[in-house]
PDB file of N, CA and C in Angstrom:
ATOM      1  N   UNK A   1      -7.818  12.442 -24.108  1.00  0.00           N
ATOM      2  CA  UNK A   1      -8.593  11.916 -23.006  1.00  0.00           C
ATOM      3  C   UNK A   1      -7.621  11.554 -21.871  1.00  0.00           C
ATOM      4  N   UNK A   2      -7.782  12.178 -20.706  1.00  0.00           N
ATOM      5  CA  UNK A   2      -6.886  11.904 -19.592  1.00  0.00           C
ATOM      6  C   UNK A   2      -7.476  10.833 -18.681  1.00  0.00           C
ATOM      7  N   UNK A   3      -6.579  10.104 -18.056  1.00  0.00           N
ATOM      8  CA  UNK A   3      -6.983   9.046 -17.130  1.00  0.00           C
ATOM      9  C   UNK A   3      -7.223   9.669 -15.761  1.00  0.00           C
ATOM     10  N   UNK A   4      -8.332   9.315 -15.129  1.00  0.00           N
ATOM     11  CA  UNK A   4      -8.646   9.812 -13.800  1.00  0.00           C
ATOM     12  C   UNK A   4      -7.723   9.156 -12.774  1.00  0.00           C
ATOM     13  N   UNK A   5      -7.243   9.912 -11.793  1.00  0.00           N
ATOM     14  CA  UNK A   5      -6.398   9.306 -10.758  1.00  0.00           C
ATOM     15  C   UNK A   5      -7.225   8.411  -9.844  1.00  0.00           C
ATOM     16  N   UNK A   6      -6.538   7.508  -9.169  1.00  0.00           N
ATOM     17  CA  UNK A   6      -7.200   6.687  -8.146  1.00  0.00           C
ATOM     18  C   UNK A   6      -7.444   7.549  -6.917  1.00  0.00           C
ATOM     19  N   UNK A   7      -8.561   7.354  -6.295  1.00  0.00           N
ATOM     20  CA  UNK A   7      -8.821   8.051  -5.031  1.00  0.00           C
ATOM     21  C   UNK A   7      -8.184   7.261  -3.892  1.00  0.00           C
ATOM     22  N   UNK A   8      -8.011   7.911  -2.764  1.00  0.00           N
ATOM     23  CA  UNK A   8      -7.497   7.226  -1.570  1.00  0.00           C
ATOM     24  C   UNK A   8      -8.423   6.079  -1.186  1.00  0.00           C
ATOM     25  N   UNK A   9      -9.724   6.271  -1.365  1.00  0.00           N
ATOM     26  CA  UNK A   9     -10.711   5.233  -1.027  1.00  0.00           C
ATOM     27  C   UNK A   9     -10.537   4.001  -1.920  1.00  0.00           C
ATOM     28  N   UNK A  10     -10.277   4.203  -3.209  1.00  0.00           N
ATOM     29  CA  UNK A  10     -10.062   3.068  -4.114  1.00  0.00           C
ATOM     30  C   UNK A  10      -8.778   2.320  -3.752  1.00  0.00           C
ATOM     31  N   UNK A  11      -7.711   3.058  -3.445  1.00  0.00           N
ATOM     32  CA  UNK A  11      -6.457   2.427  -3.033  1.00  0.00           C
ATOM     33  C   UNK A  11      -6.645   1.700  -1.704  1.00  0.00           C
ATOM     34  N   UNK A  12      -7.384   2.305  -0.783  1.00  0.00           N
ATOM     35  CA  UNK A  12      -7.674   1.667   0.504  1.00  0.00           C
ATOM     36  C   UNK A  12      -8.355   0.316   0.295  1.00  0.00           C
ATOM     37  N   UNK A  13      -9.276   0.241  -0.646  1.00  0.00           N
ATOM     38  CA  UNK A  13     -10.001  -1.013  -0.889  1.00  0.00           C
ATOM     39  C   UNK A  13      -9.036  -2.130  -1.282  1.00  0.00           C
ATOM     40  N   UNK A  14      -8.012  -1.792  -2.062  1.00  0.00           N
ATOM     41  CA  UNK A  14      -6.998  -2.784  -2.438  1.00  0.00           C
ATOM     42  C   UNK A  14      -6.231  -3.239  -1.199  1.00  0.00           C
ATOM     43  N   UNK A  15      -5.825  -2.286  -0.356  1.00  0.00           N
ATOM     44  CA  UNK A  15      -5.095  -2.627   0.878  1.00  0.00           C
ATOM     45  C   UNK A  15      -5.957  -3.476   1.801  1.00  0.00           C
ATOM     46  N   UNK A  16      -7.219  -3.130   1.886  1.00  0.00           N
ATOM     47  CA  UNK A  16      -8.164  -3.894   2.720  1.00  0.00           C
ATOM     48  C   UNK A  16      -8.309  -5.317   2.186  1.00  0.00           C
ATOM     49  N   UNK A  17      -8.439  -5.457   0.860  1.00  0.00           N
ATOM     50  CA  UNK A  17      -8.557  -6.780   0.251  1.00  0.00           C
ATOM     51  C   UNK A  17      -7.320  -7.628   0.530  1.00  0.00           C
ATOM     52  N   UNK A  18      -6.144  -7.002   0.524  1.00  0.00           N
ATOM     53  CA  UNK A  18      -4.910  -7.731   0.850  1.00  0.00           C
ATOM     54  C   UNK A  18      -4.955  -8.179   2.305  1.00  0.00           C
ATOM     55  N   UNK A  19      -5.307  -7.265   3.193  1.00  0.00           N
ATOM     56  CA  UNK A  19      -5.365  -7.582   4.635  1.00  0.00           C
ATOM     57  C   UNK A  19      -6.357  -8.697   4.923  1.00  0.00           C
ATOM     58  N   UNK A  20      -7.474  -8.722   4.208  1.00  0.00           N
ATOM     59  CA  UNK A  20      -8.505  -9.738   4.430  1.00  0.00           C
ATOM     60  C   UNK A  20      -8.229 -11.048   3.693  1.00  0.00           C
ATOM     61  N   UNK A  21      -7.179 -11.068   2.876  1.00  0.00           N
ATOM     62  CA  UNK A  21      -6.819 -12.298   2.164  1.00  0.00           C
ATOM     63  C   UNK A  21      -7.535 -12.489   0.839  1.00  0.00           C
ATOM     64  N   UNK A  22      -8.230 -11.454   0.354  1.00  0.00           N
ATOM     65  CA  UNK A  22      -8.914 -11.561  -0.941  1.00  0.00           C
ATOM     66  C   UNK A  22      -7.933 -11.386  -2.096  1.00  0.00           C
ATOM     67  N   UNK A  23      -6.824 -10.720  -1.850  1.00  0.00           N
ATOM     68  CA  UNK A  23      -5.758 -10.533  -2.841  1.00  0.00           C
ATOM     69  C   UNK A  23      -4.460 -11.039  -2.234  1.00  0.00           C
ATOM     70  N   UNK A  24      -3.678 -11.702  -3.038  1.00  0.00           N
ATOM     71  CA  UNK A  24      -2.378 -12.203  -2.596  1.00  0.00           C
ATOM     72  C   UNK A  24      -1.295 -11.299  -3.161  1.00  0.00           C
ATOM     73  N   UNK A  25      -0.398 -10.866  -2.299  1.00  0.00           N
ATOM     74  CA  UNK A  25       0.666  -9.989  -2.785  1.00  0.00           C
ATOM     75  C   UNK A  25       1.999 -10.714  -2.835  1.00  0.00           C
ATOM     76  N   UNK A  26       2.851 -10.191  -3.703  1.00  0.00           N
ATOM     77  CA  UNK A  26       4.226 -10.678  -3.793  1.00  0.00           C
ATOM     78  C   UNK A  26       5.144  -9.471  -3.854  1.00  0.00           C
ATOM     79  N   UNK A  27       6.297  -9.623  -3.263  1.00  0.00           N
ATOM     80  CA  UNK A  27       7.259  -8.531  -3.191  1.00  0.00           C
ATOM     81  C   UNK A  27       7.903  -8.313  -4.559  1.00  0.00           C
ATOM     82  N   UNK A  28       8.096  -7.055  -4.927  1.00  0.00           N
ATOM     83  CA  UNK A  28       8.849  -6.684  -6.124  1.00  0.00           C
ATOM     84  C   UNK A  28      10.137  -6.043  -5.631  1.00  0.00           C
ATOM     85  N   UNK A  29      11.207  -6.747  -5.729  1.00  0.00           N
ATOM     86  CA  UNK A  29      12.480  -6.254  -5.208  1.00  0.00           C
ATOM     87  C   UNK A  29      13.145  -7.324  -4.378  1.00  0.00           C
ATOM     88  N   UNK A  30      14.354  -7.052  -3.968  1.00  0.00           N
ATOM     89  CA  UNK A  30      15.148  -8.063  -3.277  1.00  0.00           C
ATOM     90  C   UNK A  30      15.079  -7.973  -1.762  1.00  0.00           C
ATOM     91  N   UNK A  31      14.777  -6.804  -1.230  1.00  0.00           N
ATOM     92  CA  UNK A  31      14.792  -6.637   0.227  1.00  0.00           C
ATOM     93  C   UNK A  31      13.421  -6.900   0.826  1.00  0.00           C
ATOM     94  N   UNK A  32      13.434  -7.608   1.948  1.00  0.00           N
ATOM     95  CA  UNK A  32      12.194  -7.888   2.669  1.00  0.00           C
ATOM     96  C   UNK A  32      11.863  -6.711   3.594  1.00  0.00           C
ATOM     97  N   UNK A  33      10.658  -6.729   4.134  1.00  0.00           N
ATOM     98  CA  UNK A  33      10.198  -5.669   5.045  1.00  0.00           C
ATOM     99  C   UNK A  33      11.160  -5.461   6.214  1.00  0.00           C
ATOM    100  N   UNK A  34      11.578  -6.531   6.930  1.00  0.00           N
ATOM    101  CA  UNK A  34      12.520  -6.330   8.041  1.00  0.00           C
ATOM    102  C   UNK A  34      13.888  -5.813   7.575  1.00  0.00           C
ATOM    103  N   UNK A  35      14.311  -6.203   6.361  1.00  0.00           N
ATOM    104  CA  UNK A  35      15.602  -5.739   5.845  1.00  0.00           C
ATOM    105  C   UNK A  35      15.596  -4.251   5.531  1.00  0.00           C
ATOM    106  N   UNK A  36      14.466  -3.735   5.122  1.00  0.00           N
ATOM    107  CA  UNK A  36      14.373  -2.322   4.742  1.00  0.00           C
ATOM    108  C   UNK A  36      14.439  -1.443   5.980  1.00  0.00           C
ATOM    109  N   UNK A  37      13.680  -1.769   6.991  1.00  0.00           N
ATOM    110  CA  UNK A  37      13.572  -1.071   8.268  1.00  0.00           C
ATOM    111  C   UNK A  37      13.082   0.376   8.111  1.00  0.00           C
ATOM    112  N   UNK A  38      13.682   1.128   7.225  1.00  0.00           N
ATOM    113  CA  UNK A  38      13.233   2.498   6.985  1.00  0.00           C
ATOM    114  C   UNK A  38      13.401   2.795   5.499  1.00  0.00           C
ATOM    115  N   UNK A  39      12.295   2.789   4.777  1.00  0.00           N
ATOM    116  CA  UNK A  39      12.339   3.022   3.338  1.00  0.00           C
ATOM    117  C   UNK A  39      11.124   2.421   2.662  1.00  0.00           C
ATOM    118  N   UNK A  40      11.177   2.346   1.350  1.00  0.00           N
ATOM    119  CA  UNK A  40      10.033   1.890   0.573  1.00  0.00           C
ATOM    120  C   UNK A  40      10.131   0.419   0.187  1.00  0.00           C
ATOM    121  N   UNK A  41       8.958  -0.207   0.097  1.00  0.00           N
ATOM    122  CA  UNK A  41       8.850  -1.587  -0.375  1.00  0.00           C
ATOM    123  C   UNK A  41       7.662  -1.638  -1.333  1.00  0.00           C
ATOM    124  N   UNK A  42       7.876  -2.268  -2.493  1.00  0.00           N
ATOM    125  CA  UNK A  42       6.831  -2.373  -3.504  1.00  0.00           C
ATOM    126  C   UNK A  42       6.360  -3.812  -3.609  1.00  0.00           C
ATOM    127  N   UNK A  43       5.044  -3.966  -3.706  1.00  0.00           N
ATOM    128  CA  UNK A  43       4.433  -5.285  -3.861  1.00  0.00           C
ATOM    129  C   UNK A  43       3.464  -5.242  -5.036  1.00  0.00           C
ATOM    130  N   UNK A  44       3.123  -6.427  -5.524  1.00  0.00           N
ATOM    131  CA  UNK A  44       2.139  -6.573  -6.592  1.00  0.00           C
ATOM    132  C   UNK A  44       1.044  -7.490  -6.082  1.00  0.00           C
ATOM    133  N   UNK A  45      -0.200  -7.128  -6.344  1.00  0.00           N
ATOM    134  CA  UNK A  45      -1.335  -7.952  -5.923  1.00  0.00           C
ATOM    135  C   UNK A  45      -2.393  -7.922  -7.023  1.00  0.00           C
ATOM    136  N   UNK A  46      -2.506  -9.027  -7.739  1.00  0.00           N
ATOM    137  CA  UNK A  46      -3.510  -9.148  -8.798  1.00  0.00           C
ATOM    138  C   UNK A  46      -3.454  -8.001  -9.801  1.00  0.00           C
ATOM    139  N   UNK A  47      -2.254  -7.634 -10.209  1.00  0.00           N
ATOM    140  CA  UNK A  47      -2.084  -6.575 -11.197  1.00  0.00           C
ATOM    141  C   UNK A  47      -1.945  -5.179 -10.619  1.00  0.00           C
ATOM    142  N   UNK A  48      -2.241  -5.008  -9.348  1.00  0.00           N
ATOM    143  CA  UNK A  48      -2.068  -3.726  -8.672  1.00  0.00           C
ATOM    144  C   UNK A  48      -0.642  -3.640  -8.145  1.00  0.00           C
ATOM    145  N   UNK A  49       0.004  -2.504  -8.299  1.00  0.00           N
ATOM    146  CA  UNK A  49       1.362  -2.312  -7.795  1.00  0.00           C
ATOM    147  C   UNK A  49       1.303  -1.226  -6.721  1.00  0.00           C
ATOM    148  N   UNK A  50       1.693  -1.618  -5.508  1.00  0.00           N
ATOM    149  CA  UNK A  50       1.573  -0.737  -4.351  1.00  0.00           C
ATOM    150  C   UNK A  50       2.947  -0.571  -3.702  1.00  0.00           C
ATOM    151  N   UNK A  51       3.298   0.673  -3.402  1.00  0.00           N
ATOM    152  CA  UNK A  51       4.545   0.962  -2.690  1.00  0.00           C
ATOM    153  C   UNK A  51       4.200   1.521  -1.318  1.00  0.00           C
ATOM    154  N   UNK A  52       4.748   0.871  -0.302  1.00  0.00           N
ATOM    155  CA  UNK A  52       4.532   1.272   1.095  1.00  0.00           C
ATOM    156  C   UNK A  52       5.789   1.912   1.637  1.00  0.00           C
ATOM    157  N   UNK A  53       5.635   2.751   2.648  1.00  0.00           N
ATOM    158  CA  UNK A  53       6.783   3.306   3.341  1.00  0.00           C
ATOM    159  C   UNK A  53       6.892   2.660   4.712  1.00  0.00           C
ATOM    160  N   UNK A  54       8.027   2.044   4.953  1.00  0.00           N
ATOM    161  CA  UNK A  54       8.349   1.365   6.198  1.00  0.00           C
ATOM    162  C   UNK A  54       9.150   2.345   7.050  1.00  0.00           C
ATOM    163  N   UNK A  55       8.618   2.735   8.191  1.00  0.00           N
ATOM    164  CA  UNK A  55       9.308   3.650   9.087  1.00  0.00           C
ATOM    165  C   UNK A  55       9.631   2.913  10.375  1.00  0.00           C
ATOM    166  N   UNK A  56      10.879   2.482  10.493  1.00  0.00           N
ATOM    167  CA  UNK A  56      11.359   1.767  11.678  1.00  0.00           C
ATOM    168  C   UNK A  56      10.511   0.520  11.933  1.00  0.00           C
ATOM    169  N   UNK A  57      10.326  -0.278  10.882  1.00  0.00           N
ATOM    170  CA  UNK A  57       9.592  -1.548  10.925  1.00  0.00           C
ATOM    171  C   UNK A  57       8.095  -1.374  11.149  1.00  0.00           C
ATOM    172  N   UNK A  58       7.571  -0.189  10.892  1.00  0.00           N
ATOM    173  CA  UNK A  58       6.145   0.082  11.037  1.00  0.00           C
ATOM    174  C   UNK A  58       5.593   0.624   9.723  1.00  0.00           C
ATOM    175  N   UNK A  59       4.436   0.120   9.326  1.00  0.00           N
ATOM    176  CA  UNK A  59       3.773   0.617   8.119  1.00  0.00           C
ATOM    177  C   UNK A  59       3.343   2.060   8.362  1.00  0.00           C
ATOM    178  N   UNK A  60       3.954   2.981   7.634  1.00  0.00           N
ATOM    179  CA  UNK A  60       3.685   4.401   7.852  1.00  0.00           C
ATOM    180  C   UNK A  60       2.630   4.934   6.882  1.00  0.00           C
ATOM    181  N   UNK A  61       2.868   4.778   5.575  1.00  0.00           N
ATOM    182  CA  UNK A  61       1.900   5.281   4.603  1.00  0.00           C
ATOM    183  C   UNK A  61       2.046   4.552   3.272  1.00  0.00           C
ATOM    184  N   UNK A  62       1.054   4.747   2.418  1.00  0.00           N
ATOM    185  CA  UNK A  62       1.071   4.208   1.060  1.00  0.00           C
ATOM    186  C   UNK A  62       1.662   5.291   0.167  1.00  0.00           C
ATOM    187  N   UNK A  63       2.824   5.029  -0.412  1.00  0.00           N
ATOM    188  CA  UNK A  63       3.492   6.009  -1.256  1.00  0.00           C
ATOM    189  C   UNK A  63       2.825   6.111  -2.624  1.00  0.00           C
ATOM    190  N   UNK A  64       2.415   4.958  -3.168  1.00  0.00           N
ATOM    191  CA  UNK A  64       1.729   4.952  -4.465  1.00  0.00           C
ATOM    192  C   UNK A  64       0.962   3.654  -4.641  1.00  0.00           C
ATOM    193  N   UNK A  65      -0.027   3.727  -5.520  1.00  0.00           N
ATOM    194  CA  UNK A  65      -0.834   2.559  -5.856  1.00  0.00           C
ATOM    195  C   UNK A  65      -1.239   2.709  -7.320  1.00  0.00           C
ATOM    196  N   UNK A  66      -0.852   1.734  -8.134  1.00  0.00           N
ATOM    197  CA  UNK A  66      -1.166   1.755  -9.560  1.00  0.00           C
ATOM    198  C   UNK A  66      -2.126   0.625  -9.878  1.00  0.00           C
ATOM    199  N   UNK A  67      -3.222   0.962 -10.539  1.00  0.00           N
ATOM    200  CA  UNK A  67      -4.215  -0.041 -10.927  1.00  0.00           C
ATOM    201  C   UNK A  67      -3.797  -0.695 -12.242  1.00  0.00           C
ATOM    202  N   UNK A  68      -4.367  -1.859 -12.542  1.00  0.00           N
ATOM    203  CA  UNK A  68      -4.050  -2.522 -13.812  1.00  0.00           C
ATOM    204  C   UNK A  68      -4.410  -1.673 -15.035  1.00  0.00           C
ATOM    205  N   UNK A  69      -5.367  -0.764 -14.891  1.00  0.00           N
ATOM    206  CA  UNK A  69      -5.750   0.076 -16.034  1.00  0.00           C
ATOM    207  C   UNK A  69      -4.924   1.363 -16.145  1.00  0.00           C
ATOM    208  N   UNK A  70      -3.886   1.496 -15.313  1.00  0.00           N
ATOM    209  CA  UNK A  70      -2.970   2.626 -15.419  1.00  0.00           C
ATOM    210  C   UNK A  70      -3.285   3.823 -14.548  1.00  0.00           C
ATOM    211  N   UNK A  71      -4.384   3.793 -13.817  1.00  0.00           N
ATOM    212  CA  UNK A  71      -4.681   4.898 -12.902  1.00  0.00           C
ATOM    213  C   UNK A  71      -3.764   4.803 -11.691  1.00  0.00           C
ATOM    214  N   UNK A  72      -3.540   5.947 -11.027  1.00  0.00           N
ATOM    215  CA  UNK A  72      -2.584   5.946  -9.924  1.00  0.00           C
ATOM    216  C   UNK A  72      -3.024   6.834  -8.767  1.00  0.00           C
ATOM    217  N   UNK A  73      -2.702   6.370  -7.560  1.00  0.00           N
ATOM    218  CA  UNK A  73      -2.759   7.182  -6.352  1.00  0.00           C
ATOM    219  C   UNK A  73      -1.299   7.463  -6.004  1.00  0.00           C
ATOM    220  N   UNK A  74      -0.952   8.727  -5.802  1.00  0.00           N
ATOM    221  CA  UNK A  74       0.405   9.107  -5.414  1.00  0.00           C
ATOM    222  C   UNK A  74       0.323   9.911  -4.123  1.00  0.00           C
ATOM    223  N   UNK A  75       1.093   9.493  -3.122  1.00  0.00           N
ATOM    224  CA  UNK A  75       1.112  10.186  -1.836  1.00  0.00           C
ATOM    225  C   UNK A  75       1.626  11.609  -2.003  1.00  0.00           C
ATOM    226  N   UNK A  76       1.017  12.524  -1.289  1.00  0.00           N
ATOM    227  CA  UNK A  76       1.454  13.915  -1.257  1.00  0.00           C
ATOM    228  C   UNK A  76       1.399  14.367   0.203  1.00  0.00           C
ATOM    229  N   UNK A  77       2.523  14.698   0.771  1.00  0.00           N
ATOM    230  CA  UNK A  77       2.571  15.057   2.189  1.00  0.00           C
ATOM    231  C   UNK A  77       1.764  16.314   2.497  1.00  0.00           C
ATOM    232  N   UNK A  78       1.371  17.055   1.493  1.00  0.00           N
ATOM    233  CA  UNK A  78       0.569  18.261   1.696  1.00  0.00           C
ATOM    234  C   UNK A  78      -0.935  17.954   1.725  1.00  0.00           C
ATOM    235  N   UNK A  79      -1.309  16.699   1.471  1.00  0.00           N
ATOM    236  CA  UNK A  79      -2.725  16.328   1.509  1.00  0.00           C
ATOM    237  C   UNK A  79      -3.223  16.401   2.943  1.00  0.00           C
ATOM    238  N   UNK A  80      -4.501  16.612   3.087  1.00  0.00           N
ATOM    239  CA  UNK A  80      -5.069  16.689   4.429  1.00  0.00           C
ATOM    240  C   UNK A  80      -5.204  15.287   5.038  1.00  0.00           C
ATOM    241  N   UNK A  81      -5.382  15.239   6.347  1.00  0.00           N
ATOM    242  CA  UNK A  81      -5.523  13.977   7.077  1.00  0.00           C
ATOM    243  C   UNK A  81      -6.680  13.163   6.497  1.00  0.00           C
ATOM    244  N   UNK A  82      -6.470  11.861   6.416  1.00  0.00           N
ATOM    245  CA  UNK A  82      -7.522  10.966   5.931  1.00  0.00           C
ATOM    246  C   UNK A  82      -7.465  10.710   4.443  1.00  0.00           C
ATOM    247  N   UNK A  83      -6.441  11.246   3.769  1.00  0.00           N
ATOM    248  CA  UNK A  83      -6.338  11.014   2.334  1.00  0.00           C
ATOM    249  C   UNK A  83      -5.264   9.986   1.993  1.00  0.00           C
ATOM    250  N   UNK A  84      -4.641   9.394   3.006  1.00  0.00           N
ATOM    251  CA  UNK A  84      -3.711   8.287   2.798  1.00  0.00           C
ATOM    252  C   UNK A  84      -4.490   6.996   3.013  1.00  0.00           C
ATOM    253  N   UNK A  85      -4.449   6.068   2.058  1.00  0.00           N
ATOM    254  CA  UNK A  85      -5.204   4.812   2.201  1.00  0.00           C
ATOM    255  C   UNK A  85      -4.900   4.054   3.490  1.00  0.00           C
ATOM    256  N   UNK A  86      -3.673   4.121   3.988  1.00  0.00           N
ATOM    257  CA  UNK A  86      -3.313   3.417   5.223  1.00  0.00           C
ATOM    258  C   UNK A  86      -4.093   3.990   6.406  1.00  0.00           C
ATOM    259  N   UNK A  87      -4.351   5.294   6.392  1.00  0.00           N
ATOM    260  CA  UNK A  87      -5.103   5.924   7.477  1.00  0.00           C
ATOM    261  C   UNK A  87      -6.558   5.460   7.515  1.00  0.00           C
ATOM    262  N   UNK A  88      -7.054   4.961   6.393  1.00  0.00           N
ATOM    263  CA  UNK A  88      -8.440   4.508   6.326  1.00  0.00           C
ATOM    264  C   UNK A  88      -8.624   3.075   6.837  1.00  0.00           C
ATOM    265  N   UNK A  89      -7.511   2.335   6.996  1.00  0.00           N
ATOM    266  CA  UNK A  89      -7.592   0.966   7.495  1.00  0.00           C
ATOM    267  C   UNK A  89      -8.001   0.943   8.958  1.00  0.00           C
ATOM    268  N   UNK A  90      -8.752  -0.085   9.341  1.00  0.00           N
ATOM    269  CA  UNK A  90      -9.046  -0.279  10.760  1.00  0.00           C
ATOM    270  C   UNK A  90      -7.756  -0.702  11.458  1.00  0.00           C
ATOM    271  N   UNK A  91      -7.769  -0.671  12.766  1.00  0.00           N
ATOM    272  CA  UNK A  91      -6.590  -1.083  13.533  1.00  0.00           C
ATOM    273  C   UNK A  91      -6.213  -2.525  13.201  1.00  0.00           C
ATOM    274  N   UNK A  92      -7.214  -3.410  13.109  1.00  0.00           N
ATOM    275  CA  UNK A  92      -6.951  -4.814  12.788  1.00  0.00           C
ATOM    276  C   UNK A  92      -6.401  -4.958  11.373  1.00  0.00           C
ATOM    277  N   UNK A  93      -6.998  -4.257  10.407  1.00  0.00           N
ATOM    278  CA  UNK A  93      -6.538  -4.337   9.018  1.00  0.00           C
ATOM    279  C   UNK A  93      -5.097  -3.845   8.900  1.00  0.00           C
ATOM    280  N   UNK A  94      -4.775  -2.763   9.604  1.00  0.00           N
ATOM    281  CA  UNK A  94      -3.425  -2.210   9.594  1.00  0.00           C
ATOM    282  C   UNK A  94      -2.428  -3.232  10.138  1.00  0.00           C
ATOM    283  N   UNK A  95      -2.756  -3.830  11.278  1.00  0.00           N
ATOM    284  CA  UNK A  95      -1.874  -4.830  11.896  1.00  0.00           C
ATOM    285  C   UNK A  95      -1.724  -6.055  10.986  1.00  0.00           C
ATOM    286  N   UNK A  96      -2.811  -6.483  10.370  1.00  0.00           N
ATOM    287  CA  UNK A  96      -2.767  -7.641   9.473  1.00  0.00           C
ATOM    288  C   UNK A  96      -1.908  -7.345   8.251  1.00  0.00           C
ATOM    289  N   UNK A  97      -2.041  -6.163   7.685  1.00  0.00           N
ATOM    290  CA  UNK A  97      -1.244  -5.781   6.516  1.00  0.00           C
ATOM    291  C   UNK A  97       0.241  -5.727   6.878  1.00  0.00           C
ATOM    292  N   UNK A  98       0.577  -5.182   8.045  1.00  0.00           N
ATOM    293  CA  UNK A  98       1.982  -5.167   8.501  1.00  0.00           C
ATOM    294  C   UNK A  98       2.509  -6.599   8.643  1.00  0.00           C
ATOM    295  N   UNK A  99       1.697  -7.474   9.205  1.00  0.00           N
ATOM    296  CA  UNK A  99       2.085  -8.879   9.384  1.00  0.00           C
ATOM    297  C   UNK A  99       2.343  -9.539   8.023  1.00  0.00           C
ATOM    298  N   UNK A 100       1.468  -9.282   7.063  1.00  0.00           N
ATOM    299  CA  UNK A 100       1.631  -9.859   5.730  1.00  0.00           C
ATOM    300  C   UNK A 100       2.857  -9.280   5.013  1.00  0.00           C
ATOM    301  N   UNK A 101       3.103  -7.994   5.187  1.00  0.00           N
ATOM    302  CA  UNK A 101       4.285  -7.383   4.575  1.00  0.00           C
ATOM    303  C   UNK A 101       5.561  -7.988   5.141  1.00  0.00           C
ATOM    304  N   UNK A 102       5.557  -8.299   6.426  1.00  0.00           N
ATOM    305  CA  UNK A 102       6.736  -8.917   7.047  1.00  0.00           C
ATOM    306  C   UNK A 102       6.990 -10.322   6.535  1.00  0.00           C
ATOM    307  N   UNK A 103       5.943 -10.950   6.005  1.00  0.00           N
ATOM    308  CA  UNK A 103       6.053 -12.351   5.561  1.00  0.00           C
ATOM    309  C   UNK A 103       6.395 -12.511   4.073  1.00  0.00           C
ATOM    310  N   UNK A 104       6.273 -11.425   3.288  1.00  0.00           N
ATOM    311  CA  UNK A 104       6.554 -11.572   1.844  1.00  0.00           C
ATOM    312  C   UNK A 104       8.000 -11.300   1.526  1.00  0.00           C
TER     313      UNK A 104
END
């Protein structure tokens, strides 16, 4: 029996919940968002493990998202537009998530 992957929409819901304050995230790793500047940062939020890509201090895309039950969303640069959870965020949600990432 294989585990179904997470859809971009399911991963987006986690990012949205973080942006709206329904989930609290904590950084996994030693470097903060400003310290990374260009690279990946992983956070945990209520059992979900999410890795973001920081491109010159800007939230670029969601590299991966793992649910507590082991399902995963993995970024693929060959996917069509709109399949990255970050692209599904509203402008306000995106800005709020960047602000929260800078603070953890």
